[in-house]
Amino acid sequence: MKSNIQKHADVTVVSLQGKITIGEGDVRLRQCVNEVLEDGAKKIILDLQDVSYMDSSGVGELVASYTTISNRGAQLRLANLKPKIYSLLQLTALVTVFQIYDSTEDALQSLS
């Protein structure tokens, strides 16, 4: 999995690419979240547009990221989920936990 971090005013957008699976993907997600939190980010968007696959370990890491971000007093939004990943979050009832947006722009507006 690859990541790209961009700043939009006071919002940090983490664009993820590839698979979020046990092993490399979930570890990289954790590293990205910790990195932006260490840089002082308080508003974070995970852009999942280029995430092709996520397994249960990836879902677990999303939940762990949400908890870490919330515990630090920051906010998290998810954007651009592919239908399969959205369905996975629906199946696990996590759509009620995460704030999910169709686009990065919508997520940015929700944080302004």
PDB file of N, CA and C in Angstrom:
ATOM      1  N   MET A   1       0.832  -1.175   0.000  1.00  0.00           N
ATOM      2  CA  MET A   1       0.000   0.000   0.000  1.00  0.00           C
ATOM      3  C   MET A   1       0.881   1.245   0.000  1.00  0.00           C
ATOM      4  N   LYS A   2       0.453   2.231  -0.755  1.00  0.00           N
ATOM      5  CA  LYS A   2       1.162   3.505  -0.810  1.00  0.00           C
ATOM      6  C   LYS A   2       0.264   4.587  -0.229  1.00  0.00           C
ATOM      7  N   SER A   3       0.890   5.692   0.161  1.00  0.00           N
ATOM      8  CA  SER A   3       0.111   6.803   0.698  1.00  0.00           C
ATOM      9  C   SER A   3       0.707   8.121   0.248  1.00  0.00           C
ATOM     10  N   ASN A   4      -0.152   9.128   0.219  1.00  0.00           N
ATOM     11  CA  ASN A   4       0.255  10.480  -0.124  1.00  0.00           C
ATOM     12  C   ASN A   4      -0.458  11.412   0.835  1.00  0.00           C
ATOM     13  N   ILE A   5       0.285  12.291   1.474  1.00  0.00           N
ATOM     14  CA  ILE A   5      -0.285  13.196   2.468  1.00  0.00           C
ATOM     15  C   ILE A   5      -0.259  14.616   1.920  1.00  0.00           C
ATOM     16  N   GLN A   6      -1.426  15.266   1.950  1.00  0.00           N
ATOM     17  CA  GLN A   6      -1.536  16.647   1.481  1.00  0.00           C
ATOM     18  C   GLN A   6      -2.261  17.478   2.526  1.00  0.00           C
ATOM     19  N   LYS A   7      -1.915  18.760   2.576  1.00  0.00           N
ATOM     20  CA  LYS A   7      -2.584  19.702   3.471  1.00  0.00           C
ATOM     21  C   LYS A   7      -3.513  20.584   2.656  1.00  0.00           C
ATOM     22  N   HIS A   8      -4.729  20.760   3.141  1.00  0.00           N
ATOM     23  CA  HIS A   8      -5.701  21.691   2.586  1.00  0.00           C
ATOM     24  C   HIS A   8      -6.129  22.593   3.738  1.00  0.00           C
ATOM     25  N   ALA A   9      -5.482  23.755   3.850  1.00  0.00           N
ATOM     26  CA  ALA A   9      -5.698  24.652   4.987  1.00  0.00           C
ATOM     27  C   ALA A   9      -5.381  23.885   6.276  1.00  0.00           C
ATOM     28  N   ASP A  10      -6.381  23.698   7.160  1.00  0.00           N
ATOM     29  CA  ASP A  10      -6.127  22.990   8.419  1.00  0.00           C
ATOM     30  C   ASP A  10      -6.548  21.517   8.376  1.00  0.00           C
ATOM     31  N   VAL A  11      -6.793  20.996   7.175  1.00  0.00           N
ATOM     32  CA  VAL A  11      -7.221  19.606   7.013  1.00  0.00           C
ATOM     33  C   VAL A  11      -6.099  18.810   6.335  1.00  0.00           C
ATOM     34  N   THR A  12      -5.819  17.636   6.875  1.00  0.00           N
ATOM     35  CA  THR A  12      -4.819  16.747   6.291  1.00  0.00           C
ATOM     36  C   THR A  12      -5.546  15.634   5.543  1.00  0.00           C
ATOM     37  N   VAL A  13      -5.219  15.492   4.251  1.00  0.00           N
ATOM     38  CA  VAL A  13      -5.825  14.448   3.429  1.00  0.00           C
ATOM     39  C   VAL A  13      -4.779  13.372   3.184  1.00  0.00           C
ATOM     40  N   VAL A  14      -5.092  12.156   3.604  1.00  0.00           N
ATOM     41  CA  VAL A  14      -4.215  11.014   3.386  1.00  0.00           C
ATOM     42  C   VAL A  14      -4.847  10.165   2.288  1.00  0.00           C
ATOM     43  N   SER A  15      -4.228  10.178   1.116  1.00  0.00           N
ATOM     44  CA  SER A  15      -4.715   9.381  -0.014  1.00  0.00           C
ATOM     45  C   SER A  15      -3.998   8.039   0.011  1.00  0.00           C
ATOM     46  N   LEU A  16      -4.788   6.975   0.061  1.00  0.00           N
ATOM     47  CA  LEU A  16      -4.231   5.626   0.138  1.00  0.00           C
ATOM     48  C   LEU A  16      -4.404   4.924  -1.202  1.00  0.00           C
ATOM     49  N   GLN A  17      -3.420   4.089  -1.562  1.00  0.00           N
ATOM     50  CA  GLN A  17      -3.456   3.359  -2.828  1.00  0.00           C
ATOM     51  C   GLN A  17      -3.055   1.913  -2.584  1.00  0.00           C
ATOM     52  N   GLY A  18      -3.762   0.999  -3.225  1.00  0.00           N
ATOM     53  CA  GLY A  18      -3.419  -0.416  -3.125  1.00  0.00           C
ATOM     54  C   GLY A  18      -4.368  -1.176  -2.230  1.00  0.00           C
ATOM     55  N   LYS A  19      -3.830  -2.162  -1.546  1.00  0.00           N
ATOM     56  CA  LYS A  19      -4.624  -3.030  -0.690  1.00  0.00           C
ATOM     57  C   LYS A  19      -4.310  -2.763   0.772  1.00  0.00           C
ATOM     58  N   ILE A  20      -5.361  -2.732   1.590  1.00  0.00           N
ATOM     59  CA  ILE A  20      -5.179  -2.622   3.038  1.00  0.00           C
ATOM     60  C   ILE A  20      -5.477  -4.007   3.601  1.00  0.00           C
ATOM     61  N   THR A  21      -4.422  -4.772   3.765  1.00  0.00           N
ATOM     62  CA  THR A  21      -4.546  -6.162   4.203  1.00  0.00           C
ATOM     63  C   THR A  21      -3.572  -6.434   5.338  1.00  0.00           C
ATOM     64  N   ILE A  22      -3.712  -7.601   5.935  1.00  0.00           N
ATOM     65  CA  ILE A  22      -2.819  -7.980   7.024  1.00  0.00           C
ATOM     66  C   ILE A  22      -1.377  -7.938   6.524  1.00  0.00           C
ATOM     67  N   GLY A  23      -0.522  -7.416   7.374  1.00  0.00           N
ATOM     68  CA  GLY A  23       0.879  -7.294   6.984  1.00  0.00           C
ATOM     69  C   GLY A  23       1.208  -5.860   6.634  1.00  0.00           C
ATOM     70  N   GLU A  24       1.611  -5.640   5.405  1.00  0.00           N
ATOM     71  CA  GLU A  24       2.096  -4.322   5.002  1.00  0.00           C
ATOM     72  C   GLU A  24       1.025  -3.238   5.012  1.00  0.00           C
ATOM     73  N   GLY A  25      -0.153  -3.500   4.468  1.00  0.00           N
ATOM     74  CA  GLY A  25      -1.191  -2.475   4.328  1.00  0.00           C
ATOM     75  C   GLY A  25      -1.675  -1.905   5.634  1.00  0.00           C
ATOM     76  N   ASP A  26      -1.984  -2.765   6.592  1.00  0.00           N
ATOM     77  CA  ASP A  26      -2.497  -2.261   7.859  1.00  0.00           C
ATOM     78  C   ASP A  26      -1.416  -1.531   8.645  1.00  0.00           C
ATOM     79  N   VAL A  27      -0.172  -2.000   8.538  1.00  0.00           N
ATOM     80  CA  VAL A  27       0.945  -1.340   9.225  1.00  0.00           C
ATOM     81  C   VAL A  27       1.171   0.045   8.632  1.00  0.00           C
ATOM     82  N   ARG A  28       1.128   0.156   7.312  1.00  0.00           N
ATOM     83  CA  ARG A  28       1.336   1.447   6.643  1.00  0.00           C
ATOM     84  C   ARG A  28       0.224   2.434   7.022  1.00  0.00           C
ATOM     85  N   LEU A  29      -1.005   1.966   7.109  1.00  0.00           N
ATOM     86  CA  LEU A  29      -2.108   2.834   7.525  1.00  0.00           C
ATOM     87  C   LEU A  29      -1.847   3.372   8.931  1.00  0.00           C
ATOM     88  N   ARG A  30      -1.441   2.515   9.836  1.00  0.00           N
ATOM     89  CA  ARG A  30      -1.146   2.929  11.214  1.00  0.00           C
ATOM     90  C   ARG A  30      -0.024   3.965  11.227  1.00  0.00           C
ATOM     91  N   GLN A  31       1.028   3.724  10.427  1.00  0.00           N
ATOM     92  CA  GLN A  31       2.145   4.662  10.358  1.00  0.00           C
ATOM     93  C   GLN A  31       1.694   6.026   9.846  1.00  0.00           C
ATOM     94  N   CYS A  32       0.848   6.032   8.813  1.00  0.00           N
ATOM     95  CA  CYS A  32       0.347   7.297   8.246  1.00  0.00           C
ATOM     96  C   CYS A  32      -0.443   8.083   9.278  1.00  0.00           C
ATOM     97  N   VAL A  33      -1.341   7.403   9.958  1.00  0.00           N
ATOM     98  CA  VAL A  33      -2.169   8.072  10.966  1.00  0.00           C
ATOM     99  C   VAL A  33      -1.292   8.634  12.074  1.00  0.00           C
ATOM    100  N   ASN A  34      -0.349   7.846  12.559  1.00  0.00           N
ATOM    101  CA  ASN A  34       0.541   8.328  13.622  1.00  0.00           C
ATOM    102  C   ASN A  34       1.384   9.503  13.149  1.00  0.00           C
ATOM    103  N   GLU A  35       1.829   9.444  11.907  1.00  0.00           N
ATOM    104  CA  GLU A  35       2.648  10.520  11.334  1.00  0.00           C
ATOM    105  C   GLU A  35       1.878  11.842  11.294  1.00  0.00           C
ATOM    106  N   VAL A  36       0.647  11.809  10.791  1.00  0.00           N
ATOM    107  CA  VAL A  36      -0.117  13.066  10.700  1.00  0.00           C
ATOM    108  C   VAL A  36      -0.523  13.576  12.083  1.00  0.00           C
ATOM    109  N   LEU A  37      -0.780  12.671  13.017  1.00  0.00           N
ATOM    110  CA  LEU A  37      -1.099  13.098  14.375  1.00  0.00           C
ATOM    111  C   LEU A  37       0.114  13.739  15.043  1.00  0.00           C
ATOM    112  N   GLU A  38       1.296  13.167  14.807  1.00  0.00           N
ATOM    113  CA  GLU A  38       2.531  13.735  15.367  1.00  0.00           C
ATOM    114  C   GLU A  38       2.803  15.118  14.793  1.00  0.00           C
ATOM    115  N   ASP A  39       2.366  15.348  13.553  1.00  0.00           N
ATOM    116  CA  ASP A  39       2.525  16.660  12.921  1.00  0.00           C
ATOM    117  C   ASP A  39       1.470  17.656  13.397  1.00  0.00           C
ATOM    118  N   GLY A  40       0.582  17.218  14.286  1.00  0.00           N
ATOM    119  CA  GLY A  40      -0.400  18.115  14.875  1.00  0.00           C
ATOM    120  C   GLY A  40      -1.736  18.182  14.158  1.00  0.00           C
ATOM    121  N   ALA A  41      -2.000  17.264  13.240  1.00  0.00           N
ATOM    122  CA  ALA A  41      -3.272  17.287  12.503  1.00  0.00           C
ATOM    123  C   ALA A  41      -4.444  17.055  13.457  1.00  0.00           C
ATOM    124  N   LYS A  42      -5.484  17.858  13.276  1.00  0.00           N
ATOM    125  CA  LYS A  42      -6.703  17.714  14.074  1.00  0.00           C
ATOM    126  C   LYS A  42      -7.910  17.350  13.216  1.00  0.00           C
ATOM    127  N   LYS A  43      -7.768  17.520  11.898  1.00  0.00           N
ATOM    128  CA  LYS A  43      -8.836  17.187  10.951  1.00  0.00           C
ATOM    129  C   LYS A  43      -8.212  16.334   9.860  1.00  0.00           C
ATOM    130  N   ILE A  44      -8.650  15.075   9.789  1.00  0.00           N
ATOM    131  CA  ILE A  44      -8.014  14.104   8.892  1.00  0.00           C
ATOM    132  C   ILE A  44      -9.056  13.452   7.995  1.00  0.00           C
ATOM    133  N   ILE A  45      -8.723  13.389   6.709  1.00  0.00           N
ATOM    134  CA  ILE A  45      -9.557  12.668   5.751  1.00  0.00           C
ATOM    135  C   ILE A  45      -8.729  11.520   5.191  1.00  0.00           C
ATOM    136  N   LEU A  46      -9.275  10.319   5.239  1.00  0.00           N
ATOM    137  CA  LEU A  46      -8.665   9.179   4.558  1.00  0.00           C
ATOM    138  C   LEU A  46      -9.382   9.021   3.229  1.00  0.00           C
ATOM    139  N   ASP A  47      -8.661   9.301   2.148  1.00  0.00           N
ATOM    140  CA  ASP A  47      -9.206   9.178   0.798  1.00  0.00           C
ATOM    141  C   ASP A  47      -8.916   7.762   0.311  1.00  0.00           C
ATOM    142  N   LEU A  48      -9.968   6.960   0.172  1.00  0.00           N
ATOM    143  CA  LEU A  48      -9.817   5.545  -0.174  1.00  0.00           C
ATOM    144  C   LEU A  48     -10.127   5.259  -1.641  1.00  0.00           C
ATOM    145  N   GLN A  49     -10.105   6.300  -2.468  1.00  0.00           N
ATOM    146  CA  GLN A  49     -10.466   6.149  -3.876  1.00  0.00           C
ATOM    147  C   GLN A  49      -9.630   5.086  -4.596  1.00  0.00           C
ATOM    148  N   ASP A  50      -8.345   5.010  -4.291  1.00  0.00           N
ATOM    149  CA  ASP A  50      -7.463   4.075  -4.982  1.00  0.00           C
ATOM    150  C   ASP A  50      -7.152   2.826  -4.164  1.00  0.00           C
ATOM    151  N   VAL A  51      -7.993   2.550  -3.169  1.00  0.00           N
ATOM    152  CA  VAL A  51      -7.843   1.305  -2.405  1.00  0.00           C
ATOM    153  C   VAL A  51      -8.661   0.235  -3.118  1.00  0.00           C
ATOM    154  N   SER A  52      -7.967  -0.776  -3.613  1.00  0.00           N
ATOM    155  CA  SER A  52      -8.627  -1.796  -4.420  1.00  0.00           C
ATOM    156  C   SER A  52      -9.229  -2.928  -3.598  1.00  0.00           C
ATOM    157  N   TYR A  53      -8.707  -3.141  -2.379  1.00  0.00           N
ATOM    158  CA  TYR A  53      -9.162  -4.281  -1.574  1.00  0.00           C
ATOM    159  C   TYR A  53      -8.853  -4.012  -0.112  1.00  0.00           C
ATOM    160  N   MET A  54      -9.737  -4.489   0.759  1.00  0.00           N
ATOM    161  CA  MET A  54      -9.514  -4.397   2.191  1.00  0.00           C
ATOM    162  C   MET A  54     -10.004  -5.676   2.836  1.00  0.00           C
ATOM    163  N   ASP A  55      -9.166  -6.288   3.667  1.00  0.00           N
ATOM    164  CA  ASP A  55      -9.589  -7.488   4.388  1.00  0.00           C
ATOM    165  C   ASP A  55      -9.981  -7.108   5.814  1.00  0.00           C
ATOM    166  N   SER A  56     -10.291  -8.111   6.622  1.00  0.00           N
ATOM    167  CA  SER A  56     -10.758  -7.844   7.986  1.00  0.00           C
ATOM    168  C   SER A  56      -9.687  -7.149   8.822  1.00  0.00           C
ATOM    169  N   SER A  57      -8.432  -7.426   8.538  1.00  0.00           N
ATOM    170  CA  SER A  57      -7.352  -6.755   9.245  1.00  0.00           C
ATOM    171  C   SER A  57      -7.327  -5.272   8.897  1.00  0.00           C
ATOM    172  N   GLY A  58      -7.604  -4.953   7.634  1.00  0.00           N
ATOM    173  CA  GLY A  58      -7.684  -3.561   7.204  1.00  0.00           C
ATOM    174  C   GLY A  58      -8.837  -2.839   7.885  1.00  0.00           C
ATOM    175  N   VAL A  59      -9.974  -3.515   7.999  1.00  0.00           N
ATOM    176  CA  VAL A  59     -11.127  -2.932   8.694  1.00  0.00           C
ATOM    177  C   VAL A  59     -10.772  -2.688  10.165  1.00  0.00           C
ATOM    178  N   GLY A  60     -10.102  -3.657  10.767  1.00  0.00           N
ATOM    179  CA  GLY A  60      -9.671  -3.514  12.160  1.00  0.00           C
ATOM    180  C   GLY A  60      -8.736  -2.331  12.334  1.00  0.00           C
ATOM    181  N   GLU A  61      -7.858  -2.131  11.369  1.00  0.00           N
ATOM    182  CA  GLU A  61      -6.923  -1.008  11.450  1.00  0.00           C
ATOM    183  C   GLU A  61      -7.650   0.323  11.257  1.00  0.00           C
ATOM    184  N   LEU A  62      -8.692   0.340  10.425  1.00  0.00           N
ATOM    185  CA  LEU A  62      -9.507   1.557  10.289  1.00  0.00           C
ATOM    186  C   LEU A  62     -10.150   1.916  11.628  1.00  0.00           C
ATOM    187  N   VAL A  63     -10.675   0.903  12.309  1.00  0.00           N
ATOM    188  CA  VAL A  63     -11.299   1.124  13.621  1.00  0.00           C
ATOM    189  C   VAL A  63     -10.253   1.603  14.627  1.00  0.00           C
ATOM    190  N   ALA A  64      -9.082   0.987  14.609  1.00  0.00           N
ATOM    191  CA  ALA A  64      -8.006   1.408  15.514  1.00  0.00           C
ATOM    192  C   ALA A  64      -7.579   2.841  15.214  1.00  0.00           C
ATOM    193  N   SER A  65      -7.521   3.196  13.928  1.00  0.00           N
ATOM    194  CA  SER A  65      -7.168   4.565  13.536  1.00  0.00           C
ATOM    195  C   SER A  65      -8.207   5.553  14.042  1.00  0.00           C
ATOM    196  N   TYR A  66      -9.473   5.192  13.896  1.00  0.00           N
ATOM    197  CA  TYR A  66     -10.566   6.040  14.375  1.00  0.00           C
ATOM    198  C   TYR A  66     -10.425   6.279  15.885  1.00  0.00           C
ATOM    199  N   THR A  67     -10.141   5.213  16.620  1.00  0.00           N
ATOM    200  CA  THR A  67     -10.000   5.316  18.075  1.00  0.00           C
ATOM    201  C   THR A  67      -8.810   6.197  18.443  1.00  0.00           C
ATOM    202  N   THR A  68      -7.680   5.976  17.787  1.00  0.00           N
ATOM    203  CA  THR A  68      -6.472   6.764  18.054  1.00  0.00           C
ATOM    204  C   THR A  68      -6.720   8.241  17.769  1.00  0.00           C
ATOM    205  N   ILE A  69      -7.329   8.525  16.621  1.00  0.00           N
ATOM    206  CA  ILE A  69      -7.607   9.906  16.226  1.00  0.00           C
ATOM    207  C   ILE A  69      -8.572  10.562  17.205  1.00  0.00           C
ATOM    208  N   SER A  70      -9.629   9.870  17.569  1.00  0.00           N
ATOM    209  CA  SER A  70     -10.622  10.415  18.510  1.00  0.00           C
ATOM    210  C   SER A  70     -10.007  10.672  19.879  1.00  0.00           C
ATOM    211  N   ASN A  71      -9.175   9.745  20.337  1.00  0.00           N
ATOM    212  CA  ASN A  71      -8.544   9.890  21.645  1.00  0.00           C
ATOM    213  C   ASN A  71      -7.594  11.082  21.702  1.00  0.00           C
ATOM    214  N   ARG A  72      -7.111  11.512  20.555  1.00  0.00           N
ATOM    215  CA  ARG A  72      -6.215  12.676  20.495  1.00  0.00           C
ATOM    216  C   ARG A  72      -6.990  13.974  20.238  1.00  0.00           C
ATOM    217  N   GLY A  73      -8.313  13.893  20.270  1.00  0.00           N
ATOM    218  CA  GLY A  73      -9.133  15.073  20.083  1.00  0.00           C
ATOM    219  C   GLY A  73      -9.236  15.531  18.639  1.00  0.00           C
ATOM    220  N   ALA A  74      -8.920  14.652  17.719  1.00  0.00           N
ATOM    221  CA  ALA A  74      -8.984  14.989  16.288  1.00  0.00           C
ATOM    222  C   ALA A  74     -10.245  14.388  15.667  1.00  0.00           C
ATOM    223  N   GLN A  75     -10.510  14.777  14.413  1.00  0.00           N
ATOM    224  CA  GLN A  75     -11.682  14.300  13.691  1.00  0.00           C
ATOM    225  C   GLN A  75     -11.245  13.509  12.467  1.00  0.00           C
ATOM    226  N   LEU A  76     -12.021  12.477  12.122  1.00  0.00           N
ATOM    227  CA  LEU A  76     -11.717  11.632  10.965  1.00  0.00           C
ATOM    228  C   LEU A  76     -12.917  11.568  10.038  1.00  0.00           C
ATOM    229  N   ARG A  77     -12.641  11.648   8.750  1.00  0.00           N
ATOM    230  CA  ARG A  77     -13.643  11.428   7.705  1.00  0.00           C
ATOM    231  C   ARG A  77     -13.077  10.424   6.718  1.00  0.00           C
ATOM    232  N   LEU A  78     -13.946   9.603   6.145  1.00  0.00           N
ATOM    233  CA  LEU A  78     -13.569   8.696   5.061  1.00  0.00           C
ATOM    234  C   LEU A  78     -14.207   9.219   3.785  1.00  0.00           C
ATOM    235  N   ALA A  79     -13.474   9.124   2.676  1.00  0.00           N
ATOM    236  CA  ALA A  79     -13.996   9.627   1.407  1.00  0.00           C
ATOM    237  C   ALA A  79     -13.678   8.668   0.272  1.00  0.00           C
ATOM    238  N   ASN A  80     -14.548   8.687  -0.734  1.00  0.00           N
ATOM    239  CA  ASN A  80     -14.323   7.963  -1.999  1.00  0.00           C
ATOM    240  C   ASN A  80     -14.200   6.452  -1.827  1.00  0.00           C
ATOM    241  N   LEU A  81     -15.090   5.853  -1.059  1.00  0.00           N
ATOM    242  CA  LEU A  81     -15.033   4.403  -0.882  1.00  0.00           C
ATOM    243  C   LEU A  81     -15.584   3.695  -2.113  1.00  0.00           C
ATOM    244  N   LYS A  82     -14.903   2.657  -2.537  1.00  0.00           N
ATOM    245  CA  LYS A  82     -15.409   1.819  -3.625  1.00  0.00           C
ATOM    246  C   LYS A  82     -16.605   1.025  -3.076  1.00  0.00           C
ATOM    247  N   PRO A  83     -17.542   0.630  -3.954  1.00  0.00           N
ATOM    248  CA  PRO A  83     -18.739  -0.084  -3.486  1.00  0.00           C
ATOM    249  C   PRO A  83     -18.437  -1.319  -2.629  1.00  0.00           C
ATOM    250  N   LYS A  84     -17.412  -2.093  -2.985  1.00  0.00           N
ATOM    251  CA  LYS A  84     -17.097  -3.298  -2.200  1.00  0.00           C
ATOM    252  C   LYS A  84     -16.650  -2.952  -0.785  1.00  0.00           C
ATOM    253  N   ILE A  85     -15.867  -1.891  -0.660  1.00  0.00           N
ATOM    254  CA  ILE A  85     -15.386  -1.496   0.668  1.00  0.00           C
ATOM    255  C   ILE A  85     -16.535  -0.903   1.479  1.00  0.00           C
ATOM    256  N   TYR A  86     -17.388  -0.116   0.836  1.00  0.00           N
ATOM    257  CA  TYR A  86     -18.558   0.432   1.525  1.00  0.00           C
ATOM    258  C   TYR A  86     -19.450  -0.708   2.018  1.00  0.00           C
ATOM    259  N   SER A  87     -19.649  -1.712   1.178  1.00  0.00           N
ATOM    260  CA  SER A  87     -20.472  -2.873   1.565  1.00  0.00           C
ATOM    261  C   SER A  87     -19.873  -3.597   2.761  1.00  0.00           C
ATOM    262  N   LEU A  88     -18.551  -3.712   2.786  1.00  0.00           N
ATOM    263  CA  LEU A  88     -17.868  -4.349   3.912  1.00  0.00           C
ATOM    264  C   LEU A  88     -18.128  -3.570   5.202  1.00  0.00           C
ATOM    265  N   LEU A  89     -18.087  -2.242   5.117  1.00  0.00           N
ATOM    266  CA  LEU A  89     -18.367  -1.428   6.301  1.00  0.00           C
ATOM    267  C   LEU A  89     -19.843  -1.493   6.688  1.00  0.00           C
ATOM    268  N   GLN A  90     -20.727  -1.679   5.691  1.00  0.00           N
ATOM    269  CA  GLN A  90     -22.147  -1.856   5.994  1.00  0.00           C
ATOM    270  C   GLN A  90     -22.374  -3.179   6.715  1.00  0.00           C
ATOM    271  N   LEU A  91     -21.738  -4.224   6.205  1.00  0.00           N
ATOM    272  CA  LEU A  91     -21.877  -5.561   6.802  1.00  0.00           C
ATOM    273  C   LEU A  91     -21.470  -5.578   8.267  1.00  0.00           C
ATOM    274  N   THR A  92     -20.425  -4.822   8.575  1.00  0.00           N
ATOM    275  CA  THR A  92     -19.904  -4.797   9.939  1.00  0.00           C
ATOM    276  C   THR A  92     -20.534  -3.681  10.773  1.00  0.00           C
ATOM    277  N   ALA A  93     -21.521  -2.987  10.195  1.00  0.00           N
ATOM    278  CA  ALA A  93     -22.247  -1.893  10.852  1.00  0.00           C
ATOM    279  C   ALA A  93     -21.341  -0.712  11.193  1.00  0.00           C
ATOM    280  N   LEU A  94     -20.192  -0.628  10.544  1.00  0.00           N
ATOM    281  CA  LEU A  94     -19.274   0.473  10.816  1.00  0.00           C
ATOM    282  C   LEU A  94     -19.653   1.758  10.088  1.00  0.00           C
ATOM    283  N   VAL A  95     -20.615   1.670   9.175  1.00  0.00           N
ATOM    284  CA  VAL A  95     -21.089   2.894   8.517  1.00  0.00           C
ATOM    285  C   VAL A  95     -21.753   3.821   9.533  1.00  0.00           C
ATOM    286  N   THR A  96     -22.154   3.272  10.672  1.00  0.00           N
ATOM    287  CA  THR A  96     -22.747   4.093  11.722  1.00  0.00           C
ATOM    288  C   THR A  96     -21.673   4.744  12.598  1.00  0.00           C
ATOM    289  N   VAL A  97     -20.445   4.250  12.510  1.00  0.00           N
ATOM    290  CA  VAL A  97     -19.336   4.776  13.308  1.00  0.00           C
ATOM    291  C   VAL A  97     -18.591   5.862  12.543  1.00  0.00           C
ATOM    292  N   PHE A  98     -18.251   5.558  11.296  1.00  0.00           N
ATOM    293  CA  PHE A  98     -17.469   6.481  10.477  1.00  0.00           C
ATOM    294  C   PHE A  98     -18.359   7.504   9.789  1.00  0.00           C
ATOM    295  N   GLN A  99     -17.823   8.688   9.577  1.00  0.00           N
ATOM    296  CA  GLN A  99     -18.486   9.683   8.747  1.00  0.00           C
ATOM    297  C   GLN A  99     -17.916   9.511   7.346  1.00  0.00           C
ATOM    298  N   ILE A 100     -18.752   9.052   6.425  1.00  0.00           N
ATOM    299  CA  ILE A 100     -18.322   8.669   5.085  1.00  0.00           C
ATOM    300  C   ILE A 100     -18.903   9.644   4.063  1.00  0.00           C
ATOM    301  N   TYR A 101     -18.041  10.081   3.138  1.00  0.00           N
ATOM    302  CA  TYR A 101     -18.452  11.048   2.115  1.00  0.00           C
ATOM    303  C   TYR A 101     -18.118  10.517   0.726  1.00  0.00           C
ATOM    304  N   ASP A 102     -18.930  10.931  -0.247  1.00  0.00           N
ATOM    305  CA  ASP A 102     -18.744  10.478  -1.623  1.00  0.00           C
ATOM    306  C   ASP A 102     -17.504  11.066  -2.274  1.00  0.00           C
ATOM    307  N   SER A 103     -17.074  12.234  -1.805  1.00  0.00           N
ATOM    308  CA  SER A 103     -15.902  12.873  -2.411  1.00  0.00           C
ATOM    309  C   SER A 103     -15.054  13.544  -1.336  1.00  0.00           C
ATOM    310  N   THR A 104     -13.814  13.797  -1.687  1.00  0.00           N
ATOM    311  CA  THR A 104     -12.912  14.505  -0.780  1.00  0.00           C
ATOM    312  C   THR A 104     -13.436  15.914  -0.533  1.00  0.00           C
ATOM    313  N   GLU A 105     -14.005  16.538  -1.569  1.00  0.00           N
ATOM    314  CA  GLU A 105     -14.534  17.894  -1.437  1.00  0.00           C
ATOM    315  C   GLU A 105     -15.661  17.941  -0.406  1.00  0.00           C
ATOM    316  N   ASP A 106     -16.558  16.944  -0.456  1.00  0.00           N
ATOM    317  CA  ASP A 106     -17.646  16.888   0.541  1.00  0.00           C
ATOM    318  C   ASP A 106     -17.089  16.711   1.946  1.00  0.00           C
ATOM    319  N   ALA A 107     -16.072  15.871   2.076  1.00  0.00           N
ATOM    320  CA  ALA A 107     -15.447  15.644   3.385  1.00  0.00           C
ATOM    321  C   ALA A 107     -14.774  16.927   3.876  1.00  0.00           C
ATOM    322  N   LEU A 108     -14.101  17.647   2.967  1.00  0.00           N
ATOM    323  CA  LEU A 108     -13.478  18.919   3.337  1.00  0.00           C
ATOM    324  C   LEU A 108     -14.513  19.919   3.836  1.00  0.00           C
ATOM    325  N   GLN A 109     -15.640  19.996   3.142  1.00  0.00           N
ATOM    326  CA  GLN A 109     -16.709  20.921   3.558  1.00  0.00           C
ATOM    327  C   GLN A 109     -17.252  20.565   4.934  1.00  0.00           C
ATOM    328  N   SER A 110     -17.318  19.268   5.232  1.00  0.00           N
ATOM    329  CA  SER A 110     -17.849  18.851   6.536  1.00  0.00           C
ATOM    330  C   SER A 110     -16.933  19.261   7.693  1.00  0.00           C
ATOM    331  N   LEU A 111     -15.679  19.511   7.380  1.00  0.00           N
ATOM    332  CA  LEU A 111     -14.705  19.870   8.420  1.00  0.00           C
ATOM    333  C   LEU A 111     -14.466  21.370   8.514  1.00  0.00           C
ATOM    334  N   SER A 112     -15.102  22.137   7.644  1.00  0.00           N
ATOM    335  CA  SER A 112     -14.844  23.593   7.675  1.00  0.00           C
ATOM    336  C   SER A 112     -15.810  24.324   8.591  1.00  0.00           C
TER     337      SER A 112
END
